[in-house]
């Protein structure tokens, strides 16, 4: 696979992965551009390794982690919080993404790689440089957060349906 084909093939995946980790579209694009630039410097335009997805994902995860742990990011997040209050992603990106973005970075990294990247426990542990047991524990926390949130939304939906049905049955018949 040539460099251009690699960029075209993996760009959407890496942009989504990066966005889910840093929660900012422009920064995610910058990170992915930087990763592809480094990848090109290392490999040139030669036929590249079939393990590109793993290599590129690893590079993106570590670059996003470095960015999120940087002082500039924390300062920016704090200033946005003070200006607008808590940001909600539900309306713009959907409920699942909002749940994913509300998770702590360590848990979110594991969840993104397992759900979205479809990597197994050992591959995820290798990429994040943590023990497989920690990956399993973080993945369980993410699953619990998803199940609780979706259970609450399902209960709310069913209760509203029951309320509407009760109103219909309690209305007097007009004859």
N, C-alpha and C. Protein backbone atom coordinates (compact mmCIF):
# COMPACT_ATOMS: atom_id res chain seq x y z
N UNK A 1 0.85 -1.17 0.00
CA UNK A 1 0.00 0.00 0.00
C UNK A 1 0.90 1.24 0.00
N UNK A 2 0.67 2.13 -0.92
CA UNK A 2 1.44 3.37 -1.01
C UNK A 2 0.99 4.35 0.08
N UNK A 3 1.77 5.39 0.26
CA UNK A 3 1.49 6.38 1.31
C UNK A 3 0.12 7.02 1.11
N UNK A 4 -0.20 7.44 -0.13
CA UNK A 4 -1.49 8.11 -0.39
C UNK A 4 -2.66 7.18 -0.08
N UNK A 5 -2.51 5.91 -0.45
CA UNK A 5 -3.57 4.93 -0.16
C UNK A 5 -3.72 4.73 1.35
N UNK A 6 -2.60 4.73 2.04
CA UNK A 6 -2.63 4.58 3.50
C UNK A 6 -3.38 5.75 4.14
N UNK A 7 -3.07 6.96 3.68
CA UNK A 7 -3.73 8.15 4.22
C UNK A 7 -5.23 8.09 3.94
N UNK A 8 -5.61 7.79 2.71
CA UNK A 8 -7.03 7.74 2.35
C UNK A 8 -7.77 6.64 3.10
N UNK A 9 -7.09 5.52 3.33
CA UNK A 9 -7.74 4.39 3.97
C UNK A 9 -7.94 4.59 5.47
N UNK A 10 -6.94 5.15 6.15
CA UNK A 10 -6.98 5.23 7.62
C UNK A 10 -7.39 6.59 8.18
N UNK A 11 -7.49 7.62 7.36
CA UNK A 11 -7.83 8.96 7.87
C UNK A 11 -9.14 9.01 8.65
N UNK A 12 -10.27 8.52 8.11
CA UNK A 12 -11.52 8.61 8.87
C UNK A 12 -11.44 7.90 10.23
N UNK A 13 -10.84 6.72 10.23
CA UNK A 13 -10.71 5.97 11.47
C UNK A 13 -9.87 6.72 12.50
N UNK A 14 -8.72 7.23 12.06
CA UNK A 14 -7.82 7.93 12.98
C UNK A 14 -8.40 9.26 13.45
N UNK A 15 -9.14 9.95 12.60
CA UNK A 15 -9.79 11.21 13.02
C UNK A 15 -10.83 10.94 14.10
N UNK A 16 -11.63 9.91 13.91
CA UNK A 16 -12.64 9.58 14.92
C UNK A 16 -11.99 9.15 16.22
N UNK A 17 -10.98 8.31 16.12
CA UNK A 17 -10.26 7.87 17.31
C UNK A 17 -9.67 9.06 18.05
N UNK A 18 -9.03 9.94 17.33
CA UNK A 18 -8.40 11.11 17.93
C UNK A 18 -9.44 12.03 18.56
N UNK A 19 -10.55 12.24 17.87
CA UNK A 19 -11.60 13.10 18.43
C UNK A 19 -12.16 12.52 19.72
N UNK A 20 -12.39 11.22 19.75
CA UNK A 20 -12.94 10.61 20.95
C UNK A 20 -11.98 10.72 22.14
N UNK A 21 -10.70 10.85 21.86
CA UNK A 21 -9.73 10.96 22.95
C UNK A 21 -9.49 12.40 23.39
N UNK A 22 -9.47 13.37 22.45
CA UNK A 22 -9.15 14.74 22.84
C UNK A 22 -10.38 15.65 22.90
N UNK A 23 -11.50 15.24 22.35
CA UNK A 23 -12.77 15.96 22.41
C UNK A 23 -12.73 17.32 21.70
N UNK A 24 -11.88 17.46 20.71
CA UNK A 24 -11.80 18.71 19.95
C UNK A 24 -11.45 18.36 18.51
N UNK A 25 -12.32 18.75 17.58
CA UNK A 25 -12.16 18.36 16.18
C UNK A 25 -10.89 18.93 15.56
N UNK A 26 -10.62 20.21 15.79
CA UNK A 26 -9.43 20.82 15.19
C UNK A 26 -8.14 20.20 15.71
N UNK A 27 -8.09 19.97 16.99
CA UNK A 27 -6.89 19.35 17.58
C UNK A 27 -6.75 17.92 17.05
N UNK A 28 -7.87 17.22 16.92
CA UNK A 28 -7.82 15.86 16.39
C UNK A 28 -7.25 15.85 14.97
N UNK A 29 -7.67 16.80 14.14
CA UNK A 29 -7.15 16.89 12.78
C UNK A 29 -5.65 17.20 12.79
N UNK A 30 -5.22 18.09 13.67
CA UNK A 30 -3.80 18.41 13.76
C UNK A 30 -2.97 17.20 14.18
N UNK A 31 -3.50 16.45 15.13
CA UNK A 31 -2.78 15.26 15.60
C UNK A 31 -2.65 14.24 14.48
N UNK A 32 -3.73 14.01 13.74
CA UNK A 32 -3.68 13.03 12.65
C UNK A 32 -2.73 13.49 11.55
N UNK A 33 -2.75 14.78 11.22
CA UNK A 33 -1.81 15.30 10.22
C UNK A 33 -0.36 15.09 10.68
N UNK A 34 -0.10 15.36 11.95
CA UNK A 34 1.24 15.19 12.49
C UNK A 34 1.66 13.71 12.45
N UNK A 35 0.74 12.83 12.75
CA UNK A 35 1.03 11.40 12.73
C UNK A 35 1.36 10.95 11.31
N UNK A 36 0.58 11.39 10.33
CA UNK A 36 0.86 11.01 8.95
C UNK A 36 2.18 11.61 8.46
N UNK A 37 2.50 12.82 8.91
CA UNK A 37 3.77 13.44 8.55
C UNK A 37 4.93 12.59 9.09
N UNK A 38 4.85 12.19 10.35
CA UNK A 38 5.89 11.35 10.93
C UNK A 38 5.96 9.99 10.24
N UNK A 39 4.80 9.46 9.90
CA UNK A 39 4.74 8.17 9.21
C UNK A 39 5.41 8.26 7.84
N UNK A 40 5.19 9.37 7.14
CA UNK A 40 5.79 9.56 5.81
C UNK A 40 7.31 9.72 5.93
N UNK A 41 7.76 10.47 6.93
CA UNK A 41 9.20 10.64 7.12
C UNK A 41 9.86 9.29 7.40
N UNK A 42 9.20 8.46 8.16
CA UNK A 42 9.76 7.17 8.51
C UNK A 42 9.74 6.19 7.33
N UNK A 43 8.63 6.15 6.60
CA UNK A 43 8.46 5.13 5.56
C UNK A 43 8.62 5.64 4.14
N UNK A 44 8.48 6.93 3.92
CA UNK A 44 8.54 7.46 2.56
C UNK A 44 7.32 7.02 1.77
N UNK A 45 7.48 6.87 0.48
CA UNK A 45 6.36 6.47 -0.38
C UNK A 45 6.49 5.01 -0.78
N UNK A 46 7.21 4.23 0.00
CA UNK A 46 7.42 2.83 -0.31
C UNK A 46 6.19 2.02 0.05
N UNK A 47 6.20 0.76 -0.40
CA UNK A 47 5.16 -0.14 0.07
C UNK A 47 5.33 -0.29 1.57
N UNK A 48 4.24 -0.16 2.29
CA UNK A 48 4.33 -0.13 3.75
C UNK A 48 3.86 -1.44 4.35
N UNK A 49 4.12 -1.58 5.59
CA UNK A 49 3.82 -2.77 6.37
C UNK A 49 2.32 -3.02 6.45
N UNK A 50 1.87 -4.28 6.41
CA UNK A 50 0.43 -4.54 6.55
C UNK A 50 -0.11 -4.25 7.95
N UNK A 51 0.76 -3.97 8.92
CA UNK A 51 0.31 -3.66 10.28
C UNK A 51 0.16 -2.15 10.48
N UNK A 52 -0.15 -1.43 9.41
CA UNK A 52 -0.26 0.03 9.49
C UNK A 52 -1.30 0.47 10.51
N UNK A 53 -2.44 -0.21 10.56
CA UNK A 53 -3.51 0.21 11.47
C UNK A 53 -3.01 0.18 12.91
N UNK A 54 -2.32 -0.87 13.28
CA UNK A 54 -1.82 -0.99 14.64
C UNK A 54 -0.78 0.09 14.93
N UNK A 55 0.13 0.32 14.00
CA UNK A 55 1.19 1.32 14.19
C UNK A 55 0.59 2.72 14.29
N UNK A 56 -0.29 3.06 13.35
CA UNK A 56 -0.90 4.39 13.34
C UNK A 56 -1.79 4.61 14.56
N UNK A 57 -2.54 3.60 14.95
CA UNK A 57 -3.40 3.72 16.13
C UNK A 57 -2.55 3.95 17.37
N UNK A 58 -1.46 3.22 17.48
CA UNK A 58 -0.56 3.38 18.61
C UNK A 58 0.00 4.80 18.66
N UNK A 59 0.41 5.32 17.51
CA UNK A 59 0.95 6.68 17.45
C UNK A 59 -0.11 7.70 17.86
N UNK A 60 -1.33 7.53 17.36
CA UNK A 60 -2.41 8.48 17.67
C UNK A 60 -2.75 8.45 19.15
N UNK A 61 -2.87 7.25 19.71
CA UNK A 61 -3.23 7.13 21.14
C UNK A 61 -2.20 7.84 22.01
N UNK A 62 -0.92 7.62 21.74
CA UNK A 62 0.10 8.24 22.57
C UNK A 62 0.20 9.75 22.35
N UNK A 63 0.00 10.20 21.12
CA UNK A 63 0.01 11.64 20.86
C UNK A 63 -1.18 12.31 21.55
N UNK A 64 -2.35 11.68 21.51
CA UNK A 64 -3.54 12.23 22.18
C UNK A 64 -3.33 12.26 23.69
N UNK A 65 -2.75 11.22 24.22
CA UNK A 65 -2.48 11.19 25.65
C UNK A 65 -1.53 12.31 26.07
N UNK A 66 -0.49 12.49 25.28
CA UNK A 66 0.45 13.58 25.57
C UNK A 66 -0.25 14.93 25.53
N UNK A 67 -1.12 15.10 24.54
CA UNK A 67 -1.84 16.37 24.42
C UNK A 67 -2.78 16.59 25.61
N UNK A 68 -3.54 15.57 25.97
CA UNK A 68 -4.50 15.71 27.06
C UNK A 68 -3.80 15.98 28.39
N UNK A 69 -2.60 15.44 28.55
CA UNK A 69 -1.86 15.66 29.79
C UNK A 69 -1.05 16.95 29.79
N UNK A 70 -1.07 17.68 28.68
CA UNK A 70 -0.29 18.92 28.60
C UNK A 70 -0.98 20.06 29.36
N UNK A 71 -0.20 21.02 29.76
CA UNK A 71 -0.72 22.16 30.50
C UNK A 71 -1.63 23.01 29.63
N UNK A 72 -1.28 23.20 28.37
CA UNK A 72 -2.09 24.02 27.47
C UNK A 72 -3.51 23.48 27.34
N UNK A 73 -3.63 22.17 27.23
CA UNK A 73 -4.95 21.55 27.12
C UNK A 73 -5.77 21.79 28.39
N UNK A 74 -5.16 21.58 29.52
CA UNK A 74 -5.88 21.76 30.79
C UNK A 74 -6.31 23.21 30.98
N UNK A 75 -5.43 24.13 30.61
CA UNK A 75 -5.76 25.55 30.71
C UNK A 75 -6.94 25.89 29.78
N UNK A 76 -6.92 25.36 28.58
CA UNK A 76 -7.99 25.60 27.61
C UNK A 76 -9.32 25.01 28.10
N UNK A 77 -9.28 23.81 28.62
CA UNK A 77 -10.49 23.16 29.13
C UNK A 77 -11.08 23.97 30.29
N UNK A 78 -10.23 24.45 31.16
CA UNK A 78 -10.71 25.22 32.29
C UNK A 78 -11.34 26.53 31.83
N UNK A 79 -10.71 27.21 30.87
CA UNK A 79 -11.26 28.48 30.40
C UNK A 79 -12.59 28.26 29.68
N UNK A 80 -12.72 27.17 28.91
CA UNK A 80 -14.00 26.86 28.26
C UNK A 80 -15.06 26.55 29.29
N UNK A 81 -14.69 25.83 30.33
CA UNK A 81 -15.65 25.50 31.38
C UNK A 81 -16.15 26.76 32.07
N UNK A 82 -15.25 27.69 32.32
CA UNK A 82 -15.63 28.93 32.99
C UNK A 82 -16.49 29.81 32.09
N UNK A 83 -16.26 29.77 30.78
CA UNK A 83 -17.05 30.59 29.86
C UNK A 83 -18.45 30.03 29.66
N UNK A 84 -18.54 28.74 29.35
CA UNK A 84 -19.81 28.16 28.94
C UNK A 84 -20.44 27.25 29.98
N UNK A 85 -19.74 26.83 30.96
CA UNK A 85 -20.25 25.81 31.87
C UNK A 85 -19.93 24.45 31.27
N UNK A 86 -20.55 23.43 31.80
CA UNK A 86 -20.29 22.07 31.35
C UNK A 86 -20.78 21.90 29.91
N UNK A 87 -19.92 21.39 29.04
CA UNK A 87 -20.28 21.17 27.65
C UNK A 87 -21.03 19.87 27.53
N UNK A 88 -22.10 19.88 26.77
CA UNK A 88 -22.84 18.65 26.53
C UNK A 88 -22.73 18.29 25.05
N UNK A 89 -22.49 17.02 24.80
CA UNK A 89 -22.30 16.55 23.44
C UNK A 89 -23.50 15.77 22.93
N UNK A 90 -24.54 15.62 23.74
CA UNK A 90 -25.64 14.74 23.38
C UNK A 90 -26.33 15.20 22.10
N UNK A 91 -26.68 16.47 22.00
CA UNK A 91 -27.41 16.94 20.83
C UNK A 91 -26.60 16.87 19.56
N UNK A 92 -25.32 17.17 19.64
CA UNK A 92 -24.51 17.26 18.43
C UNK A 92 -23.99 15.91 17.95
N UNK A 93 -23.59 15.04 18.85
CA UNK A 93 -22.91 13.82 18.44
C UNK A 93 -23.65 12.53 18.80
N UNK A 94 -24.66 12.59 19.59
CA UNK A 94 -25.38 11.39 19.96
C UNK A 94 -25.09 10.96 21.38
N UNK A 95 -25.97 10.15 21.88
CA UNK A 95 -25.90 9.75 23.28
C UNK A 95 -24.69 8.87 23.58
N UNK A 96 -24.36 7.93 22.68
CA UNK A 96 -23.22 7.04 22.92
C UNK A 96 -21.91 7.82 22.97
N UNK A 97 -21.75 8.79 22.08
CA UNK A 97 -20.54 9.60 22.09
C UNK A 97 -20.47 10.45 23.34
N UNK A 98 -21.61 10.96 23.80
CA UNK A 98 -21.63 11.75 25.02
C UNK A 98 -21.19 10.91 26.22
N UNK A 99 -21.64 9.66 26.27
CA UNK A 99 -21.23 8.77 27.36
C UNK A 99 -19.73 8.51 27.26
N UNK A 100 -19.26 8.25 26.04
CA UNK A 100 -17.83 7.97 25.84
C UNK A 100 -16.98 9.17 26.26
N UNK A 101 -17.41 10.37 25.91
CA UNK A 101 -16.62 11.56 26.24
C UNK A 101 -16.68 11.90 27.72
N UNK A 102 -17.68 11.38 28.44
CA UNK A 102 -17.76 11.67 29.87
C UNK A 102 -16.87 10.75 30.71
N UNK A 103 -16.33 9.70 30.10
CA UNK A 103 -15.48 8.77 30.84
C UNK A 103 -14.10 9.39 31.09
N UNK A 104 -13.43 8.97 32.16
CA UNK A 104 -12.04 9.43 32.38
C UNK A 104 -11.14 8.94 31.23
N UNK A 105 -10.04 9.63 31.01
CA UNK A 105 -9.18 9.35 29.86
C UNK A 105 -8.70 7.90 29.81
N UNK A 106 -8.28 7.35 30.93
CA UNK A 106 -7.76 5.97 30.93
C UNK A 106 -8.84 4.98 30.51
N UNK A 107 -10.03 5.15 31.05
CA UNK A 107 -11.15 4.26 30.72
C UNK A 107 -11.59 4.52 29.27
N UNK A 108 -11.64 5.79 28.88
CA UNK A 108 -12.06 6.15 27.52
C UNK A 108 -11.09 5.58 26.49
N UNK A 109 -9.78 5.61 26.76
CA UNK A 109 -8.80 5.07 25.83
C UNK A 109 -9.03 3.58 25.58
N UNK A 110 -9.25 2.86 26.66
CA UNK A 110 -9.51 1.42 26.54
C UNK A 110 -10.82 1.18 25.79
N UNK A 111 -11.86 1.93 26.14
CA UNK A 111 -13.16 1.73 25.51
C UNK A 111 -13.10 2.04 24.01
N UNK A 112 -12.42 3.10 23.65
CA UNK A 112 -12.32 3.47 22.23
C UNK A 112 -11.58 2.39 21.45
N UNK A 113 -10.48 1.91 22.00
CA UNK A 113 -9.71 0.89 21.30
C UNK A 113 -10.47 -0.44 21.22
N UNK A 114 -11.20 -0.77 22.26
CA UNK A 114 -11.93 -2.05 22.25
C UNK A 114 -13.21 -1.96 21.40
N UNK A 115 -14.03 -0.90 21.60
CA UNK A 115 -15.27 -0.77 20.84
C UNK A 115 -15.02 -0.34 19.40
N UNK A 116 -14.32 0.76 19.24
CA UNK A 116 -14.19 1.36 17.92
C UNK A 116 -13.04 0.74 17.13
N UNK A 117 -11.90 0.54 17.76
CA UNK A 117 -10.75 -0.03 17.07
C UNK A 117 -10.80 -1.53 16.92
N UNK A 118 -11.66 -2.19 17.68
CA UNK A 118 -11.86 -3.63 17.65
C UNK A 118 -10.56 -4.40 17.92
N UNK A 119 -9.79 -3.90 18.88
CA UNK A 119 -8.58 -4.59 19.29
C UNK A 119 -8.92 -5.47 20.49
N UNK A 120 -8.22 -6.60 20.62
CA UNK A 120 -8.47 -7.46 21.76
C UNK A 120 -7.75 -6.93 23.00
N UNK A 121 -7.91 -7.61 24.10
CA UNK A 121 -7.36 -7.15 25.37
C UNK A 121 -5.83 -7.04 25.33
N UNK A 122 -5.18 -8.04 24.79
CA UNK A 122 -3.71 -8.02 24.77
C UNK A 122 -3.17 -6.93 23.85
N UNK A 123 -3.79 -6.73 22.69
CA UNK A 123 -3.34 -5.67 21.79
C UNK A 123 -3.54 -4.29 22.44
N UNK A 124 -4.68 -4.12 23.10
CA UNK A 124 -4.95 -2.85 23.78
C UNK A 124 -3.95 -2.62 24.90
N UNK A 125 -3.65 -3.66 25.65
CA UNK A 125 -2.68 -3.54 26.75
C UNK A 125 -1.30 -3.18 26.21
N UNK A 126 -0.92 -3.77 25.09
CA UNK A 126 0.38 -3.46 24.49
C UNK A 126 0.43 -2.02 24.02
N UNK A 127 -0.63 -1.56 23.36
CA UNK A 127 -0.65 -0.19 22.86
C UNK A 127 -0.60 0.84 23.97
N UNK A 128 -1.35 0.60 25.03
CA UNK A 128 -1.42 1.57 26.13
C UNK A 128 -0.33 1.36 27.17
N UNK A 129 0.42 0.29 27.01
CA UNK A 129 1.51 -0.05 27.93
C UNK A 129 1.01 -0.21 29.37
N UNK A 130 -0.07 -0.96 29.50
CA UNK A 130 -0.63 -1.28 30.81
C UNK A 130 -0.90 -2.78 30.85
N UNK A 131 -1.04 -3.38 32.04
CA UNK A 131 -1.32 -4.82 32.13
C UNK A 131 -2.70 -5.17 31.57
N UNK A 132 -2.86 -6.38 31.02
CA UNK A 132 -4.16 -6.81 30.50
C UNK A 132 -5.27 -6.77 31.56
N UNK A 133 -4.93 -7.03 32.82
CA UNK A 133 -5.94 -6.98 33.88
C UNK A 133 -6.51 -5.56 34.03
N UNK A 134 -5.67 -4.56 33.87
CA UNK A 134 -6.12 -3.17 33.94
C UNK A 134 -7.03 -2.85 32.76
N UNK A 135 -6.69 -3.37 31.59
CA UNK A 135 -7.53 -3.17 30.40
C UNK A 135 -8.92 -3.76 30.66
N UNK A 136 -8.95 -4.96 31.20
CA UNK A 136 -10.24 -5.60 31.49
C UNK A 136 -11.06 -4.78 32.48
N UNK A 137 -10.40 -4.28 33.53
CA UNK A 137 -11.09 -3.50 34.55
C UNK A 137 -11.64 -2.19 33.96
N UNK A 138 -10.82 -1.49 33.15
CA UNK A 138 -11.28 -0.25 32.52
C UNK A 138 -12.42 -0.53 31.54
N UNK A 139 -12.34 -1.64 30.83
CA UNK A 139 -13.39 -1.99 29.87
C UNK A 139 -14.69 -2.30 30.61
N UNK A 140 -14.60 -2.97 31.75
CA UNK A 140 -15.79 -3.23 32.55
C UNK A 140 -16.42 -1.94 33.06
N UNK A 141 -15.59 -0.97 33.46
CA UNK A 141 -16.11 0.33 33.89
C UNK A 141 -16.85 1.03 32.76
N UNK A 142 -16.28 0.97 31.56
CA UNK A 142 -16.93 1.59 30.40
C UNK A 142 -18.25 0.90 30.09
N UNK A 143 -18.25 -0.43 30.12
CA UNK A 143 -19.49 -1.17 29.87
C UNK A 143 -20.55 -0.84 30.91
N UNK A 144 -20.14 -0.70 32.15
CA UNK A 144 -21.07 -0.35 33.22
C UNK A 144 -21.66 1.04 33.00
N UNK A 145 -20.82 1.98 32.60
CA UNK A 145 -21.30 3.34 32.34
C UNK A 145 -22.31 3.34 31.20
N UNK A 146 -22.01 2.59 30.13
CA UNK A 146 -22.94 2.51 29.00
C UNK A 146 -24.25 1.85 29.40
N UNK A 147 -24.16 0.74 30.12
CA UNK A 147 -25.38 0.01 30.48
C UNK A 147 -26.25 0.84 31.42
N UNK A 148 -25.64 1.55 32.39
CA UNK A 148 -26.42 2.37 33.30
C UNK A 148 -27.11 3.51 32.57
N UNK A 149 -26.39 4.17 31.68
CA UNK A 149 -26.96 5.30 30.96
C UNK A 149 -28.09 4.86 30.04
N UNK A 150 -27.88 3.76 29.31
CA UNK A 150 -28.91 3.30 28.40
C UNK A 150 -30.10 2.72 29.16
N UNK A 151 -29.85 2.13 30.31
CA UNK A 151 -30.94 1.63 31.13
C UNK A 151 -31.79 2.79 31.64
N UNK A 152 -31.14 3.86 32.10
CA UNK A 152 -31.88 5.03 32.56
C UNK A 152 -32.70 5.65 31.44
N UNK A 153 -32.11 5.76 30.24
CA UNK A 153 -32.85 6.36 29.13
C UNK A 153 -34.00 5.46 28.69
N UNK A 154 -33.81 4.15 28.76
CA UNK A 154 -34.88 3.22 28.39
C UNK A 154 -36.02 3.29 29.41
N UNK A 155 -35.68 3.40 30.70
CA UNK A 155 -36.70 3.53 31.73
C UNK A 155 -37.49 4.81 31.53
N UNK A 156 -36.81 5.91 31.23
CA UNK A 156 -37.50 7.18 30.97
C UNK A 156 -38.43 7.07 29.77
N UNK A 157 -37.96 6.42 28.71
CA UNK A 157 -38.78 6.25 27.51
C UNK A 157 -40.02 5.42 27.80
N UNK A 158 -39.85 4.31 28.52
CA UNK A 158 -40.99 3.45 28.84
C UNK A 158 -41.97 4.13 29.79
N UNK A 159 -41.46 4.90 30.73
CA UNK A 159 -42.38 5.59 31.65
C UNK A 159 -43.20 6.65 30.91
N UNK A 160 -42.61 7.33 29.93
CA UNK A 160 -43.38 8.31 29.16
C UNK A 160 -44.45 7.61 28.31
N UNK A 161 -44.14 6.43 27.79
CA UNK A 161 -45.14 5.67 27.03
C UNK A 161 -46.28 5.25 27.94
N UNK A 162 -45.95 4.78 29.14
CA UNK A 162 -46.99 4.37 30.08
C UNK A 162 -47.87 5.55 30.51
N UNK A 163 -47.26 6.70 30.71
CA UNK A 163 -48.04 7.88 31.07
C UNK A 163 -49.02 8.25 29.97
N UNK A 164 -48.58 8.20 28.72
CA UNK A 164 -49.48 8.50 27.60
C UNK A 164 -50.61 7.50 27.52
N UNK A 165 -50.31 6.22 27.73
CA UNK A 165 -51.36 5.19 27.68
C UNK A 165 -52.35 5.38 28.82
N UNK A 166 -51.85 5.74 30.01
CA UNK A 166 -52.75 6.00 31.13
C UNK A 166 -53.67 7.18 30.85
N UNK A 167 -53.14 8.20 30.22
CA UNK A 167 -53.98 9.35 29.87
C UNK A 167 -55.06 8.95 28.88
N UNK A 168 -54.71 8.12 27.93
CA UNK A 168 -55.70 7.67 26.94
C UNK A 168 -56.78 6.85 27.61
N UNK A 169 -56.42 5.94 28.49
CA UNK A 169 -57.40 5.08 29.14
C UNK A 169 -58.22 5.82 30.18
N UNK A 170 -57.71 6.89 30.74
CA UNK A 170 -58.44 7.63 31.75
C UNK A 170 -59.31 8.74 31.18
N UNK A 171 -59.24 8.98 29.88
CA UNK A 171 -60.10 10.00 29.27
C UNK A 171 -61.52 9.49 29.21
N UNK A 172 -62.49 10.34 29.48
CA UNK A 172 -63.89 9.90 29.39
C UNK A 172 -64.27 9.69 27.92
N UNK A 173 -65.14 8.72 27.73
CA UNK A 173 -65.60 8.44 26.38
C UNK A 173 -66.67 9.46 25.99
N UNK A 174 -66.57 10.03 24.85
CA UNK A 174 -67.56 10.99 24.35
C UNK A 174 -68.46 10.27 23.37
N UNK A 175 -69.75 10.10 23.77
CA UNK A 175 -70.68 9.43 22.87
C UNK A 175 -71.80 10.31 22.51
